[in-house]
Amino acid sequence: METELNIKGTEDSPTILFNKIKGSLSISGRSLPEDAFSFYEPIFKWLNNYFNSPAPETTFTFDLEYFNTSSAKQIFKIVNTLNVQAKKNKISVIWRYDAGDKDMQGSGERFSKLSGMPIQLIQN
C-alpha cells in the first residue's frame, strides 16, 4: 500500500494529503469536481487499504471552503467510514471552517449528527 496519497487541489477539486505513517489525513480547499464519484474513488480505495493496518491514532481534518451537493454525498460517506472504523481504531475528526461561515459550520454539525461520529468543530 502507498504510505501517502497526495492530490494537488485545483479551483474545482480539493487538496488531499493522507500520510499513513503519521495517521494524518486531510481534505482542504474547494470540492466541486465535475464527477465527484470518480474524484473520490481513489480516496476510498486508499482509506480501505489504510484501515487494514492503520496508524495507532488517526486524525482526519476537513478544511473546506465550499463543496457541492455531489461532493457532500462523498464527504458524508467518508465520515460514515470513519465512524465505523472508530469502533475499533482511535480516530479524531476535525472540521475547520472560516469565522462567520455559518453554512460550513452547519455542515460539520449535520455530518456529525447524521453519522453519529463526534466531530470537533474549529473556527479558522
PDB file of N, CA and C in Angstrom:
ATOM      1  N   MET A   1       0.837  -1.187   0.000  1.00  0.00           N
ATOM      2  CA  MET A   1       0.000   0.000   0.000  1.00  0.00           C
ATOM      3  C   MET A   1       0.879   1.247   0.000  1.00  0.00           C
ATOM      4  N   GLU A   2       0.411   2.241  -0.718  1.00  0.00           N
ATOM      5  CA  GLU A   2       1.102   3.534  -0.714  1.00  0.00           C
ATOM      6  C   GLU A   2       0.993   4.135   0.687  1.00  0.00           C
ATOM      7  N   THR A   3       2.120   4.664   1.200  1.00  0.00           N
ATOM      8  CA  THR A   3       2.065   5.259   2.534  1.00  0.00           C
ATOM      9  C   THR A   3       1.479   6.666   2.492  1.00  0.00           C
ATOM     10  N   GLU A   4       1.425   7.253   1.286  1.00  0.00           N
ATOM     11  CA  GLU A   4       0.848   8.592   1.165  1.00  0.00           C
ATOM     12  C   GLU A   4      -0.086   8.661  -0.034  1.00  0.00           C
ATOM     13  N   LEU A   5      -1.049   9.549   0.081  1.00  0.00           N
ATOM     14  CA  LEU A   5      -1.897   9.910  -1.056  1.00  0.00           C
ATOM     15  C   LEU A   5      -1.897  11.434  -1.088  1.00  0.00           C
ATOM     16  N   ASN A   6      -1.310  11.991  -2.121  1.00  0.00           N
ATOM     17  CA  ASN A   6      -1.243  13.442  -2.270  1.00  0.00           C
ATOM     18  C   ASN A   6      -1.867  13.818  -3.599  1.00  0.00           C
ATOM     19  N   ILE A   7      -2.936  14.585  -3.537  1.00  0.00           N
ATOM     20  CA  ILE A   7      -3.586  15.087  -4.742  1.00  0.00           C
ATOM     21  C   ILE A   7      -3.613  16.605  -4.636  1.00  0.00           C
ATOM     22  N   LYS A   8      -2.971  17.244  -5.596  1.00  0.00           N
ATOM     23  CA  LYS A   8      -2.911  18.713  -5.592  1.00  0.00           C
ATOM     24  C   LYS A   8      -4.281  19.281  -5.931  1.00  0.00           C
ATOM     25  N   GLY A   9      -4.727  20.225  -5.122  1.00  0.00           N
ATOM     26  CA  GLY A   9      -6.020  20.841  -5.342  1.00  0.00           C
ATOM     27  C   GLY A   9      -6.026  21.760  -6.563  1.00  0.00           C
ATOM     28  N   THR A  10      -7.205  21.950  -7.114  1.00  0.00           N
ATOM     29  CA  THR A  10      -7.404  22.882  -8.216  1.00  0.00           C
ATOM     30  C   THR A  10      -8.519  23.837  -7.809  1.00  0.00           C
ATOM     31  N   GLU A  11      -8.958  24.645  -8.751  1.00  0.00           N
ATOM     32  CA  GLU A  11     -10.067  25.552  -8.470  1.00  0.00           C
ATOM     33  C   GLU A  11     -11.340  24.771  -8.124  1.00  0.00           C
ATOM     34  N   ASP A  12     -11.463  23.563  -8.701  1.00  0.00           N
ATOM     35  CA  ASP A  12     -12.683  22.765  -8.524  1.00  0.00           C
ATOM     36  C   ASP A  12     -12.525  21.514  -7.675  1.00  0.00           C
ATOM     37  N   SER A  13     -11.292  21.176  -7.315  1.00  0.00           N
ATOM     38  CA  SER A  13     -11.105  19.951  -6.538  1.00  0.00           C
ATOM     39  C   SER A  13     -10.196  20.213  -5.342  1.00  0.00           C
ATOM     40  N   PRO A  14     -10.455  19.497  -4.249  1.00  0.00           N
ATOM     41  CA  PRO A  14      -9.705  19.748  -3.012  1.00  0.00           C
ATOM     42  C   PRO A  14      -8.305  19.141  -3.020  1.00  0.00           C
ATOM     43  N   THR A  15      -7.477  19.642  -2.118  1.00  0.00           N
ATOM     44  CA  THR A  15      -6.158  19.065  -1.873  1.00  0.00           C
ATOM     45  C   THR A  15      -6.349  17.891  -0.919  1.00  0.00           C
ATOM     46  N   ILE A  16      -5.745  16.771  -1.275  1.00  0.00           N
ATOM     47  CA  ILE A  16      -5.815  15.574  -0.439  1.00  0.00           C
ATOM     48  C   ILE A  16      -4.399  15.280   0.054  1.00  0.00           C
ATOM     49  N   LEU A  17      -4.216  15.261   1.364  1.00  0.00           N
ATOM     50  CA  LEU A  17      -2.917  14.930   1.961  1.00  0.00           C
ATOM     51  C   LEU A  17      -3.137  13.845   3.012  1.00  0.00           C
ATOM     52  N   PHE A  18      -2.849  12.605   2.645  1.00  0.00           N
ATOM     53  CA  PHE A  18      -3.003  11.472   3.550  1.00  0.00           C
ATOM     54  C   PHE A  18      -1.613  10.889   3.815  1.00  0.00           C
ATOM     55  N   ASN A  19      -1.277  10.722   5.085  1.00  0.00           N
ATOM     56  CA  ASN A  19       0.006  10.146   5.463  1.00  0.00           C
ATOM     57  C   ASN A  19      -0.242   8.986   6.425  1.00  0.00           C
ATOM     58  N   LYS A  20      -0.019   7.769   5.946  1.00  0.00           N
ATOM     59  CA  LYS A  20      -0.276   6.557   6.736  1.00  0.00           C
ATOM     60  C   LYS A  20       0.599   6.486   7.981  1.00  0.00           C
ATOM     61  N   ILE A  21       1.871   6.839   7.848  1.00  0.00           N
ATOM     62  CA  ILE A  21       2.807   6.722   8.965  1.00  0.00           C
ATOM     63  C   ILE A  21       2.380   7.629  10.124  1.00  0.00           C
ATOM     64  N   LYS A  22       2.039   8.867   9.807  1.00  0.00           N
ATOM     65  CA  LYS A  22       1.635   9.834  10.835  1.00  0.00           C
ATOM     66  C   LYS A  22       0.174   9.664  11.254  1.00  0.00           C
ATOM     67  N   GLY A  23      -0.630   8.969  10.435  1.00  0.00           N
ATOM     68  CA  GLY A  23      -2.060   8.874  10.724  1.00  0.00           C
ATOM     69  C   GLY A  23      -2.738  10.214  10.526  1.00  0.00           C
ATOM     70  N   SER A  24      -2.166  11.028   9.650  1.00  0.00           N
ATOM     71  CA  SER A  24      -2.673  12.380   9.393  1.00  0.00           C
ATOM     72  C   SER A  24      -3.323  12.423   8.007  1.00  0.00           C
ATOM     73  N   LEU A  25      -4.623  12.640   7.989  1.00  0.00           N
ATOM     74  CA  LEU A  25      -5.383  12.644   6.749  1.00  0.00           C
ATOM     75  C   LEU A  25      -6.136  13.963   6.649  1.00  0.00           C
ATOM     76  N   SER A  26      -6.040  14.658   5.513  1.00  0.00           N
ATOM     77  CA  SER A  26      -6.763  15.929   5.404  1.00  0.00           C
ATOM     78  C   SER A  26      -7.273  16.160   3.985  1.00  0.00           C
ATOM     79  N   ILE A  27      -8.407  16.825   3.956  1.00  0.00           N
ATOM     80  CA  ILE A  27      -9.029  17.283   2.711  1.00  0.00           C
ATOM     81  C   ILE A  27      -9.272  18.775   2.898  1.00  0.00           C
ATOM     82  N   SER A  28      -8.756  19.593   1.963  1.00  0.00           N
ATOM     83  CA  SER A  28      -8.904  21.040   2.117  1.00  0.00           C
ATOM     84  C   SER A  28      -9.167  21.703   0.769  1.00  0.00           C
ATOM     85  N   GLY A  29      -9.742  22.891   0.852  1.00  0.00           N
ATOM     86  CA  GLY A  29      -9.995  23.682  -0.355  1.00  0.00           C
ATOM     87  C   GLY A  29     -11.445  23.631  -0.787  1.00  0.00           C
ATOM     88  N   ARG A  30     -11.635  23.592  -2.097  1.00  0.00           N
ATOM     89  CA  ARG A  30     -12.980  23.589  -2.677  1.00  0.00           C
ATOM     90  C   ARG A  30     -13.229  22.251  -3.360  1.00  0.00           C
ATOM     91  N   SER A  31     -14.438  21.712  -3.174  1.00  0.00           N
ATOM     92  CA  SER A  31     -14.760  20.426  -3.791  1.00  0.00           C
ATOM     93  C   SER A  31     -15.998  20.563  -4.657  1.00  0.00           C
ATOM     94  N   LEU A  32     -15.758  20.787  -5.936  1.00  0.00           N
ATOM     95  CA  LEU A  32     -16.855  20.804  -6.903  1.00  0.00           C
ATOM     96  C   LEU A  32     -16.421  20.151  -8.205  1.00  0.00           C
ATOM     97  N   PRO A  33     -15.845  18.941  -8.098  1.00  0.00           N
ATOM     98  CA  PRO A  33     -15.419  18.281  -9.328  1.00  0.00           C
ATOM     99  C   PRO A  33     -16.627  17.928 -10.188  1.00  0.00           C
ATOM    100  N   GLU A  34     -16.389  17.875 -11.481  1.00  0.00           N
ATOM    101  CA  GLU A  34     -17.429  17.524 -12.448  1.00  0.00           C
ATOM    102  C   GLU A  34     -18.090  16.196 -12.075  1.00  0.00           C
ATOM    103  N   ASP A  35     -17.255  15.216 -11.709  1.00  0.00           N
ATOM    104  CA  ASP A  35     -17.734  13.881 -11.340  1.00  0.00           C
ATOM    105  C   ASP A  35     -17.161  13.521  -9.968  1.00  0.00           C
ATOM    106  N   ALA A  36     -17.901  13.873  -8.933  1.00  0.00           N
ATOM    107  CA  ALA A  36     -17.411  13.678  -7.557  1.00  0.00           C
ATOM    108  C   ALA A  36     -17.159  12.207  -7.253  1.00  0.00           C
ATOM    109  N   PHE A  37     -18.004  11.326  -7.773  1.00  0.00           N
ATOM    110  CA  PHE A  37     -17.827   9.898  -7.510  1.00  0.00           C
ATOM    111  C   PHE A  37     -16.451   9.434  -7.995  1.00  0.00           C
ATOM    112  N   SER A  38     -16.099   9.793  -9.220  1.00  0.00           N
ATOM    113  CA  SER A  38     -14.803   9.393  -9.789  1.00  0.00           C
ATOM    114  C   SER A  38     -13.646  10.053  -9.055  1.00  0.00           C
ATOM    115  N   PHE A  39     -13.804  11.322  -8.683  1.00  0.00           N
ATOM    116  CA  PHE A  39     -12.739  12.019  -7.965  1.00  0.00           C
ATOM    117  C   PHE A  39     -12.449  11.342  -6.623  1.00  0.00           C
ATOM    118  N   TYR A  40     -13.501  10.989  -5.886  1.00  0.00           N
ATOM    119  CA  TYR A  40     -13.328  10.435  -4.549  1.00  0.00           C
ATOM    120  C   TYR A  40     -13.025   8.931  -4.539  1.00  0.00           C
ATOM    121  N   GLU A  41     -13.194   8.255  -5.676  1.00  0.00           N
ATOM    122  CA  GLU A  41     -12.979   6.812  -5.720  1.00  0.00           C
ATOM    123  C   GLU A  41     -11.577   6.392  -5.240  1.00  0.00           C
ATOM    124  N   PRO A  42     -10.482   7.022  -5.725  1.00  0.00           N
ATOM    125  CA  PRO A  42      -9.161   6.615  -5.214  1.00  0.00           C
ATOM    126  C   PRO A  42      -8.975   6.925  -3.720  1.00  0.00           C
ATOM    127  N   ILE A  43      -9.696   7.903  -3.224  1.00  0.00           N
ATOM    128  CA  ILE A  43      -9.635   8.245  -1.792  1.00  0.00           C
ATOM    129  C   ILE A  43     -10.228   7.102  -0.969  1.00  0.00           C
ATOM    130  N   PHE A  44     -11.376   6.577  -1.422  1.00  0.00           N
ATOM    131  CA  PHE A  44     -11.991   5.453  -0.706  1.00  0.00           C
ATOM    132  C   PHE A  44     -11.129   4.197  -0.793  1.00  0.00           C
ATOM    133  N   LYS A  45     -10.508   3.964  -1.950  1.00  0.00           N
ATOM    134  CA  LYS A  45      -9.623   2.800  -2.092  1.00  0.00           C
ATOM    135  C   LYS A  45      -8.458   2.918  -1.112  1.00  0.00           C
ATOM    136  N   TRP A  46      -7.860   4.108  -1.032  1.00  0.00           N
ATOM    137  CA  TRP A  46      -6.737   4.323  -0.127  1.00  0.00           C
ATOM    138  C   TRP A  46      -7.182   4.121   1.318  1.00  0.00           C
ATOM    139  N   LEU A  47      -8.340   4.693   1.683  1.00  0.00           N
ATOM    140  CA  LEU A  47      -8.840   4.559   3.057  1.00  0.00           C
ATOM    141  C   LEU A  47      -9.109   3.096   3.415  1.00  0.00           C
ATOM    142  N   ASN A  48      -9.704   2.351   2.488  1.00  0.00           N
ATOM    143  CA  ASN A  48      -9.972   0.935   2.760  1.00  0.00           C
ATOM    144  C   ASN A  48      -8.676   0.181   3.035  1.00  0.00           C
ATOM    145  N   ASN A  49      -7.644   0.448   2.250  1.00  0.00           N
ATOM    146  CA  ASN A  49      -6.344  -0.177   2.483  1.00  0.00           C
ATOM    147  C   ASN A  49      -5.735   0.303   3.797  1.00  0.00           C
ATOM    148  N   TYR A  50      -5.858   1.595   4.051  1.00  0.00           N
ATOM    149  CA  TYR A  50      -5.294   2.181   5.272  1.00  0.00           C
ATOM    150  C   TYR A  50      -5.857   1.500   6.522  1.00  0.00           C
ATOM    151  N   PHE A  51      -7.160   1.281   6.534  1.00  0.00           N
ATOM    152  CA  PHE A  51      -7.777   0.731   7.744  1.00  0.00           C
ATOM    153  C   PHE A  51      -7.530  -0.767   7.918  1.00  0.00           C
ATOM    154  N   ASN A  52      -6.852  -1.409   6.954  1.00  0.00           N
ATOM    155  CA  ASN A  52      -6.395  -2.782   7.174  1.00  0.00           C
ATOM    156  C   ASN A  52      -5.255  -2.797   8.186  1.00  0.00           C
ATOM    157  N   SER A  53      -4.520  -1.685   8.267  1.00  0.00           N
ATOM    158  CA  SER A  53      -3.386  -1.582   9.187  1.00  0.00           C
ATOM    159  C   SER A  53      -3.116  -0.102   9.466  1.00  0.00           C
ATOM    160  N   PRO A  54      -4.025   0.549  10.208  1.00  0.00           N
ATOM    161  CA  PRO A  54      -3.905   1.998  10.419  1.00  0.00           C
ATOM    162  C   PRO A  54      -2.818   2.368  11.429  1.00  0.00           C
ATOM    163  N   ALA A  55      -2.491   3.651  11.448  1.00  0.00           N
ATOM    164  CA  ALA A  55      -1.604   4.190  12.475  1.00  0.00           C
ATOM    165  C   ALA A  55      -2.299   4.022  13.830  1.00  0.00           C
ATOM    166  N   PRO A  56      -1.531   4.040  14.940  1.00  0.00           N
ATOM    167  CA  PRO A  56      -2.147   3.890  16.274  1.00  0.00           C
ATOM    168  C   PRO A  56      -3.239   4.936  16.533  1.00  0.00           C
ATOM    169  N   GLU A  57      -3.032   6.147  16.009  1.00  0.00           N
ATOM    170  CA  GLU A  57      -4.038   7.210  16.120  1.00  0.00           C
ATOM    171  C   GLU A  57      -4.193   7.865  14.751  1.00  0.00           C
ATOM    172  N   THR A  58      -5.429   8.130  14.387  1.00  0.00           N
ATOM    173  CA  THR A  58      -5.713   8.767  13.098  1.00  0.00           C
ATOM    174  C   THR A  58      -6.427  10.089  13.347  1.00  0.00           C
ATOM    175  N   THR A  59      -5.933  11.135  12.695  1.00  0.00           N
ATOM    176  CA  THR A  59      -6.609  12.431  12.734  1.00  0.00           C
ATOM    177  C   THR A  59      -7.016  12.783  11.313  1.00  0.00           C
ATOM    178  N   PHE A  60      -8.311  12.946  11.114  1.00  0.00           N
ATOM    179  CA  PHE A  60      -8.842  13.312   9.792  1.00  0.00           C
ATOM    180  C   PHE A  60      -9.345  14.748   9.891  1.00  0.00           C
ATOM    181  N   THR A  61      -8.775  15.630   9.072  1.00  0.00           N
ATOM    182  CA  THR A  61      -9.152  17.043   9.100  1.00  0.00           C
ATOM    183  C   THR A  61      -9.826  17.445   7.793  1.00  0.00           C
ATOM    184  N   PHE A  62     -11.009  18.002   7.935  1.00  0.00           N
ATOM    185  CA  PHE A  62     -11.699  18.628   6.807  1.00  0.00           C
ATOM    186  C   PHE A  62     -11.503  20.130   6.961  1.00  0.00           C
ATOM    187  N   ASP A  63     -10.996  20.780   5.930  1.00  0.00           N
ATOM    188  CA  ASP A  63     -10.812  22.239   5.962  1.00  0.00           C
ATOM    189  C   ASP A  63     -11.286  22.769   4.609  1.00  0.00           C
ATOM    190  N   LEU A  64     -12.586  22.696   4.411  1.00  0.00           N
ATOM    191  CA  LEU A  64     -13.175  23.021   3.115  1.00  0.00           C
ATOM    192  C   LEU A  64     -13.783  24.418   3.102  1.00  0.00           C
ATOM    193  N   GLU A  65     -13.546  25.111   2.002  1.00  0.00           N
ATOM    194  CA  GLU A  65     -14.155  26.436   1.811  1.00  0.00           C
ATOM    195  C   GLU A  65     -15.572  26.295   1.277  1.00  0.00           C
ATOM    196  N   TYR A  66     -15.726  25.300   0.388  1.00  0.00           N
ATOM    197  CA  TYR A  66     -17.018  25.106  -0.267  1.00  0.00           C
ATOM    198  C   TYR A  66     -17.065  23.711  -0.869  1.00  0.00           C
ATOM    199  N   PHE A  67     -18.251  23.108  -0.910  1.00  0.00           N
ATOM    200  CA  PHE A  67     -18.426  21.854  -1.642  1.00  0.00           C
ATOM    201  C   PHE A  67     -19.831  21.814  -2.217  1.00  0.00           C
ATOM    202  N   ASN A  68     -19.970  21.115  -3.349  1.00  0.00           N
ATOM    203  CA  ASN A  68     -21.275  20.998  -3.997  1.00  0.00           C
ATOM    204  C   ASN A  68     -22.020  19.770  -3.458  1.00  0.00           C
ATOM    205  N   THR A  69     -23.235  19.579  -3.931  1.00  0.00           N
ATOM    206  CA  THR A  69     -24.087  18.507  -3.419  1.00  0.00           C
ATOM    207  C   THR A  69     -23.496  17.124  -3.661  1.00  0.00           C
ATOM    208  N   SER A  70     -22.946  16.901  -4.859  1.00  0.00           N
ATOM    209  CA  SER A  70     -22.386  15.570  -5.131  1.00  0.00           C
ATOM    210  C   SER A  70     -21.148  15.314  -4.258  1.00  0.00           C
ATOM    211  N   SER A  71     -20.382  16.355  -3.958  1.00  0.00           N
ATOM    212  CA  SER A  71     -19.245  16.202  -3.040  1.00  0.00           C
ATOM    213  C   SER A  71     -19.742  15.929  -1.624  1.00  0.00           C
ATOM    214  N   ALA A  72     -20.832  16.564  -1.231  1.00  0.00           N
ATOM    215  CA  ALA A  72     -21.384  16.367   0.117  1.00  0.00           C
ATOM    216  C   ALA A  72     -21.689  14.886   0.348  1.00  0.00           C
ATOM    217  N   LYS A  73     -22.215  14.219  -0.676  1.00  0.00           N
ATOM    218  CA  LYS A  73     -22.517  12.783  -0.546  1.00  0.00           C
ATOM    219  C   LYS A  73     -21.242  11.989  -0.287  1.00  0.00           C
ATOM    220  N   GLN A  74     -20.161  12.332  -0.983  1.00  0.00           N
ATOM    221  CA  GLN A  74     -18.896  11.620  -0.818  1.00  0.00           C
ATOM    222  C   GLN A  74     -18.263  11.941   0.540  1.00  0.00           C
ATOM    223  N   ILE A  75     -18.357  13.194   0.955  1.00  0.00           N
ATOM    224  CA  ILE A  75     -17.816  13.599   2.258  1.00  0.00           C
ATOM    225  C   ILE A  75     -18.559  12.874   3.377  1.00  0.00           C
ATOM    226  N   PHE A  76     -19.883  12.785   3.237  1.00  0.00           N
ATOM    227  CA  PHE A  76     -20.680  12.079   4.237  1.00  0.00           C
ATOM    228  C   PHE A  76     -20.290  10.600   4.284  1.00  0.00           C
ATOM    229  N   LYS A  77     -20.016  10.034   3.114  1.00  0.00           N
ATOM    230  CA  LYS A  77     -19.580   8.640   3.038  1.00  0.00           C
ATOM    231  C   LYS A  77     -18.243   8.464   3.777  1.00  0.00           C
ATOM    232  N   ILE A  78     -17.357   9.427   3.646  1.00  0.00           N
ATOM    233  CA  ILE A  78     -16.080   9.383   4.371  1.00  0.00           C
ATOM    234  C   ILE A  78     -16.332   9.428   5.875  1.00  0.00           C
ATOM    235  N   VAL A  79     -17.195  10.354   6.306  1.00  0.00           N
ATOM    236  CA  VAL A  79     -17.493  10.483   7.742  1.00  0.00           C
ATOM    237  C   VAL A  79     -18.105   9.182   8.263  1.00  0.00           C
ATOM    238  N   ASN A  80     -18.991   8.570   7.487  1.00  0.00           N
ATOM    239  CA  ASN A  80     -19.579   7.288   7.900  1.00  0.00           C
ATOM    240  C   ASN A  80     -18.512   6.204   8.014  1.00  0.00           C
ATOM    241  N   THR A  81     -17.596   6.165   7.057  1.00  0.00           N
ATOM    242  CA  THR A  81     -16.491   5.199   7.103  1.00  0.00           C
ATOM    243  C   THR A  81     -15.666   5.407   8.371  1.00  0.00           C
ATOM    244  N   LEU A  82     -15.366   6.659   8.684  1.00  0.00           N
ATOM    245  CA  LEU A  82     -14.602   6.967   9.894  1.00  0.00           C
ATOM    246  C   LEU A  82     -15.355   6.533  11.144  1.00  0.00           C
ATOM    247  N   ASN A  83     -16.669   6.731  11.145  1.00  0.00           N
ATOM    248  CA  ASN A  83     -17.484   6.350  12.294  1.00  0.00           C
ATOM    249  C   ASN A  83     -17.440   4.835  12.511  1.00  0.00           C
ATOM    250  N   VAL A  84     -17.533   4.066  11.437  1.00  0.00           N
ATOM    251  CA  VAL A  84     -17.455   2.610  11.537  1.00  0.00           C
ATOM    252  C   VAL A  84     -16.077   2.202  12.063  1.00  0.00           C
ATOM    253  N   GLN A  85     -15.028   2.794  11.509  1.00  0.00           N
ATOM    254  CA  GLN A  85     -13.664   2.456  11.913  1.00  0.00           C
ATOM    255  C   GLN A  85     -13.349   2.889  13.346  1.00  0.00           C
ATOM    256  N   ALA A  86     -14.023   3.936  13.816  1.00  0.00           N
ATOM    257  CA  ALA A  86     -13.770   4.454  15.172  1.00  0.00           C
ATOM    258  C   ALA A  86     -14.184   3.451  16.244  1.00  0.00           C
ATOM    259  N   LYS A  87     -14.975   2.457  15.873  1.00  0.00           N
ATOM    260  CA  LYS A  87     -15.378   1.447  16.843  1.00  0.00           C
ATOM    261  C   LYS A  87     -14.198   0.535  17.197  1.00  0.00           C
ATOM    262  N   LYS A  88     -13.188   0.461  16.310  1.00  0.00           N
ATOM    263  CA  LYS A  88     -12.037  -0.403  16.590  1.00  0.00           C
ATOM    264  C   LYS A  88     -10.687   0.319  16.492  1.00  0.00           C
ATOM    265  N   ASN A  89     -10.696   1.600  16.125  1.00  0.00           N
ATOM    266  CA  ASN A  89      -9.473   2.386  15.987  1.00  0.00           C
ATOM    267  C   ASN A  89      -9.648   3.751  16.657  1.00  0.00           C
ATOM    268  N   LYS A  90      -8.533   4.341  17.071  1.00  0.00           N
ATOM    269  CA  LYS A  90      -8.584   5.676  17.687  1.00  0.00           C
ATOM    270  C   LYS A  90      -8.577   6.721  16.570  1.00  0.00           C
ATOM    271  N   ILE A  91      -9.702   7.379  16.383  1.00  0.00           N
ATOM    272  CA  ILE A  91      -9.866   8.336  15.291  1.00  0.00           C
ATOM    273  C   ILE A  91     -10.429   9.651  15.828  1.00  0.00           C
ATOM    274  N   SER A  92      -9.792  10.750  15.426  1.00  0.00           N
ATOM    275  CA  SER A  92     -10.313  12.089  15.721  1.00  0.00           C
ATOM    276  C   SER A  92     -10.676  12.733  14.400  1.00  0.00           C
ATOM    277  N   VAL A  93     -11.832  13.387  14.379  1.00  0.00           N
ATOM    278  CA  VAL A  93     -12.246  14.108  13.169  1.00  0.00           C
ATOM    279  C   VAL A  93     -12.355  15.588  13.517  1.00  0.00           C
ATOM    280  N   ILE A  94     -11.687  16.403  12.720  1.00  0.00           N
ATOM    281  CA  ILE A  94     -11.698  17.854  12.912  1.00  0.00           C
ATOM    282  C   ILE A  94     -12.348  18.488  11.688  1.00  0.00           C
ATOM    283  N   TRP A  95     -13.245  19.415  11.938  1.00  0.00           N
ATOM    284  CA  TRP A  95     -13.924  20.147  10.872  1.00  0.00           C
ATOM    285  C   TRP A  95     -13.580  21.623  11.051  1.00  0.00           C
ATOM    286  N   ARG A  96     -12.711  22.137  10.189  1.00  0.00           N
ATOM    287  CA  ARG A  96     -12.310  23.544  10.273  1.00  0.00           C
ATOM    288  C   ARG A  96     -13.207  24.371   9.360  1.00  0.00           C
ATOM    289  N   TYR A  97     -13.529  25.571   9.813  1.00  0.00           N
ATOM    290  CA  TYR A  97     -14.345  26.470   8.995  1.00  0.00           C
ATOM    291  C   TYR A  97     -13.949  27.907   9.300  1.00  0.00           C
ATOM    292  N   ASP A  98     -14.141  28.771   8.315  1.00  0.00           N
ATOM    293  CA  ASP A  98     -13.787  30.168   8.499  1.00  0.00           C
ATOM    294  C   ASP A  98     -14.773  30.860   9.435  1.00  0.00           C
ATOM    295  N   ALA A  99     -14.260  31.766  10.244  1.00  0.00           N
ATOM    296  CA  ALA A  99     -15.108  32.542  11.153  1.00  0.00           C
ATOM    297  C   ALA A  99     -16.213  33.208  10.334  1.00  0.00           C
ATOM    298  N   GLY A 100     -17.425  33.074  10.801  1.00  0.00           N
ATOM    299  CA  GLY A 100     -18.553  33.705  10.122  1.00  0.00           C
ATOM    300  C   GLY A 100     -19.168  32.848   9.030  1.00  0.00           C
ATOM    301  N   ASP A 101     -18.561  31.722   8.699  1.00  0.00           N
ATOM    302  CA  ASP A 101     -19.120  30.847   7.661  1.00  0.00           C
ATOM    303  C   ASP A 101     -20.088  29.866   8.321  1.00  0.00           C
ATOM    304  N   LYS A 102     -21.311  30.341   8.520  1.00  0.00           N
ATOM    305  CA  LYS A 102     -22.330  29.546   9.214  1.00  0.00           C
ATOM    306  C   LYS A 102     -22.718  28.301   8.416  1.00  0.00           C
ATOM    307  N   ASP A 103     -22.677  28.387   7.075  1.00  0.00           N
ATOM    308  CA  ASP A 103     -23.023  27.231   6.245  1.00  0.00           C
ATOM    309  C   ASP A 103     -22.043  26.090   6.476  1.00  0.00           C
ATOM    310  N   MET A 104     -20.742  26.411   6.465  1.00  0.00           N
ATOM    311  CA  MET A 104     -19.734  25.368   6.640  1.00  0.00           C
ATOM    312  C   MET A 104     -19.756  24.837   8.078  1.00  0.00           C
ATOM    313  N   GLN A 105     -19.987  25.709   9.029  1.00  0.00           N
ATOM    314  CA  GLN A 105     -20.111  25.268  10.424  1.00  0.00           C
ATOM    315  C   GLN A 105     -21.301  24.317  10.546  1.00  0.00           C
ATOM    316  N   GLY A 106     -22.423  24.704   9.958  1.00  0.00           N
ATOM    317  CA  GLY A 106     -23.634  23.879   9.998  1.00  0.00           C
ATOM    318  C   GLY A 106     -23.435  22.533   9.316  1.00  0.00           C
ATOM    319  N   SER A 107     -22.672  22.517   8.233  1.00  0.00           N
ATOM    320  CA  SER A 107     -22.399  21.255   7.535  1.00  0.00           C
ATOM    321  C   SER A 107     -21.650  20.293   8.448  1.00  0.00           C
ATOM    322  N   GLY A 108     -20.641  20.788   9.137  1.00  0.00           N
ATOM    323  CA  GLY A 108     -19.894  19.943  10.076  1.00  0.00           C
ATOM    324  C   GLY A 108     -20.795  19.391  11.163  1.00  0.00           C
ATOM    325  N   GLU A 109     -21.667  20.235  11.691  1.00  0.00           N
ATOM    326  CA  GLU A 109     -22.608  19.800  12.735  1.00  0.00           C
ATOM    327  C   GLU A 109     -23.564  18.736  12.201  1.00  0.00           C
ATOM    328  N   ARG A 110     -24.075  18.952  10.979  1.00  0.00           N
ATOM    329  CA  ARG A 110     -25.004  17.987  10.369  1.00  0.00           C
ATOM    330  C   ARG A 110     -24.323  16.642  10.104  1.00  0.00           C
ATOM    331  N   PHE A 111     -23.118  16.677   9.547  1.00  0.00           N
ATOM    332  CA  PHE A 111     -22.408  15.421   9.272  1.00  0.00           C
ATOM    333  C   PHE A 111     -22.201  14.644  10.575  1.00  0.00           C
ATOM    334  N   SER A 112     -21.856  15.338  11.637  1.00  0.00           N
ATOM    335  CA  SER A 112     -21.638  14.692  12.927  1.00  0.00           C
ATOM    336  C   SER A 112     -22.932  14.064  13.434  1.00  0.00           C
ATOM    337  N   LYS A 113     -24.002  14.830  13.381  1.00  0.00           N
ATOM    338  CA  LYS A 113     -25.294  14.361  13.897  1.00  0.00           C
ATOM    339  C   LYS A 113     -25.824  13.180  13.086  1.00  0.00           C
ATOM    340  N   LEU A 114     -25.776  13.291  11.760  1.00  0.00           N
ATOM    341  CA  LEU A 114     -26.333  12.248  10.895  1.00  0.00           C
ATOM    342  C   LEU A 114     -25.523  10.958  10.934  1.00  0.00           C
ATOM    343  N   SER A 115     -24.206  11.071  11.110  1.00  0.00           N
ATOM    344  CA  SER A 115     -23.357   9.882  11.095  1.00  0.00           C
ATOM    345  C   SER A 115     -23.175   9.277  12.487  1.00  0.00           C
ATOM    346  N   GLY A 116     -23.349  10.113  13.519  1.00  0.00           N
ATOM    347  CA  GLY A 116     -23.072   9.662  14.883  1.00  0.00           C
ATOM    348  C   GLY A 116     -21.601   9.776  15.246  1.00  0.00           C
ATOM    349  N   MET A 117     -20.789  10.322  14.314  1.00  0.00           N
ATOM    350  CA  MET A 117     -19.345  10.476  14.544  1.00  0.00           C
ATOM    351  C   MET A 117     -19.083  11.802  15.234  1.00  0.00           C
ATOM    352  N   PRO A 118     -18.436  11.789  16.398  1.00  0.00           N
ATOM    353  CA  PRO A 118     -18.086  13.074  17.031  1.00  0.00           C
ATOM    354  C   PRO A 118     -17.096  13.847  16.146  1.00  0.00           C
ATOM    355  N   ILE A 119     -17.433  15.071  15.845  1.00  0.00           N
ATOM    356  CA  ILE A 119     -16.569  15.923  15.036  1.00  0.00           C
ATOM    357  C   ILE A 119     -16.254  17.183  15.833  1.00  0.00           C
ATOM    358  N   GLN A 120     -14.965  17.458  15.949  1.00  0.00           N
ATOM    359  CA  GLN A 120     -14.526  18.664  16.652  1.00  0.00           C
ATOM    360  C   GLN A 120     -14.568  19.829  15.654  1.00  0.00           C
ATOM    361  N   LEU A 121     -15.405  20.826  15.947  1.00  0.00           N
ATOM    362  CA  LEU A 121     -15.517  21.995  15.079  1.00  0.00           C
ATOM    363  C   LEU A 121     -14.525  23.055  15.533  1.00  0.00           C
ATOM    364  N   ILE A 122     -13.680  23.509  14.607  1.00  0.00           N
ATOM    365  CA  ILE A 122     -12.671  24.507  14.938  1.00  0.00           C
ATOM    366  C   ILE A 122     -12.778  25.659  13.947  1.00  0.00           C
ATOM    367  N   GLN A 123     -12.913  26.854  14.502  1.00  0.00           N
ATOM    368  CA  GLN A 123     -13.001  28.050  13.674  1.00  0.00           C
ATOM    369  C   GLN A 123     -11.591  28.500  13.267  1.00  0.00           C
ATOM    370  N   ASN A 124     -11.382  28.743  11.981  1.00  0.00           N
ATOM    371  CA  ASN A 124     -10.069  29.218  11.496  1.00  0.00           C
ATOM    372  C   ASN A 124      -9.871  30.668  11.899  1.00  0.00           C
TER     373      ASN A 124
END
